[in-house]
Amino acid sequence: MRGLVVDQQVAAQVATDLLRRPSVAFKAMTDNTARHQVNHVQVEQARPAT
């Protein structure tokens, strides 16, 4: 499955769709690397644009 989604836009849409499922989001957040990446992006998006 990991190699199936090469296009970044497609991968982002698939991930977004899957994370809208509470059980999938819960499972994804048990992965330390995935949780770290989500937190990192949240911090980056919260910073004001310069």
C-alpha atoms as a PDB file:
ATOM      1  CA  MET A   1       0.000   0.000   0.000  1.00  0.00           C
ATOM      2  CA  ARG A   2       2.820   2.416   0.819  1.00  0.00           C
ATOM      3  CA  GLY A   3       4.107   2.473  -2.738  1.00  0.00           C
ATOM      4  CA  LEU A   4       0.704   2.830  -4.370  1.00  0.00           C
ATOM      5  CA  VAL A   5       0.255   6.578  -3.848  1.00  0.00           C
ATOM      6  CA  VAL A   6       3.212   8.323  -5.456  1.00  0.00           C
ATOM      7  CA  ASP A   7       1.555  11.629  -6.373  1.00  0.00           C
ATOM      8  CA  GLN A   8       1.717  13.984  -3.356  1.00  0.00           C
ATOM      9  CA  GLN A   9      -1.676  15.595  -4.011  1.00  0.00           C
ATOM     10  CA  VAL A  10      -3.361  12.211  -4.279  1.00  0.00           C
ATOM     11  CA  ALA A  11      -1.597  10.996  -1.138  1.00  0.00           C
ATOM     12  CA  ALA A  12      -2.697  14.099   0.780  1.00  0.00           C
ATOM     13  CA  GLN A  13      -6.317  13.634  -0.302  1.00  0.00           C
ATOM     14  CA  VAL A  14      -6.302   9.944   0.602  1.00  0.00           C
ATOM     15  CA  ALA A  15      -4.768  10.702   4.018  1.00  0.00           C
ATOM     16  CA  THR A  16      -7.307  13.469   4.644  1.00  0.00           C
ATOM     17  CA  ASP A  17     -10.210  11.216   3.717  1.00  0.00           C
ATOM     18  CA  LEU A  18      -8.923   8.405   5.939  1.00  0.00           C
ATOM     19  CA  LEU A  19      -8.245  10.672   8.926  1.00  0.00           C
ATOM     20  CA  ARG A  20     -11.874  11.779   8.862  1.00  0.00           C
ATOM     21  CA  ARG A  21     -12.696   8.303  10.154  1.00  0.00           C
ATOM     22  CA  PRO A  22     -12.382   8.438  13.945  1.00  0.00           C
ATOM     23  CA  SER A  23     -11.017   4.897  14.286  1.00  0.00           C
ATOM     24  CA  VAL A  24      -8.392   5.532  11.606  1.00  0.00           C
ATOM     25  CA  ALA A  25      -7.367   8.860  13.161  1.00  0.00           C
ATOM     26  CA  PHE A  26      -7.066   7.192  16.563  1.00  0.00           C
ATOM     27  CA  LYS A  27      -4.874   4.418  15.149  1.00  0.00           C
ATOM     28  CA  ALA A  28      -2.740   6.885  13.181  1.00  0.00           C
ATOM     29  CA  MET A  29      -2.069   8.942  16.301  1.00  0.00           C
ATOM     30  CA  THR A  30      -0.688   5.877  18.081  1.00  0.00           C
ATOM     31  CA  ASP A  31       2.216   6.033  15.599  1.00  0.00           C
ATOM     32  CA  ASN A  32       4.826   8.348  17.150  1.00  0.00           C
ATOM     33  CA  THR A  33       6.233   9.511  13.821  1.00  0.00           C
ATOM     34  CA  ALA A  34       2.801  10.264  12.348  1.00  0.00           C
ATOM     35  CA  ARG A  35       1.763  12.147  15.491  1.00  0.00           C
ATOM     36  CA  HIS A  36       5.000  14.155  15.468  1.00  0.00           C
ATOM     37  CA  GLN A  37       4.508  15.117  11.811  1.00  0.00           C
ATOM     38  CA  VAL A  38       0.923  16.235  12.416  1.00  0.00           C
ATOM     39  CA  ASN A  39       1.987  18.300  15.430  1.00  0.00           C
ATOM     40  CA  HIS A  40       4.873  19.844  13.494  1.00  0.00           C
ATOM     41  CA  VAL A  41       2.593  20.917  10.654  1.00  0.00           C
ATOM     42  CA  GLN A  42       0.060  22.363  13.097  1.00  0.00           C
ATOM     43  CA  VAL A  43       2.779  24.515  14.684  1.00  0.00           C
ATOM     44  CA  GLU A  44       4.063  25.634  11.277  1.00  0.00           C
ATOM     45  CA  GLN A  45       0.572  26.589  10.099  1.00  0.00           C
ATOM     46  CA  ALA A  46      -0.102  28.505  13.308  1.00  0.00           C
ATOM     47  CA  ARG A  47       2.949  30.732  12.769  1.00  0.00           C
ATOM     48  CA  PRO A  48       2.222  34.062  11.107  1.00  0.00           C
ATOM     49  CA  ALA A  49       3.436  34.336   7.529  1.00  0.00           C
ATOM     50  CA  THR A  50       6.422  36.636   7.147  1.00  0.00           C
END
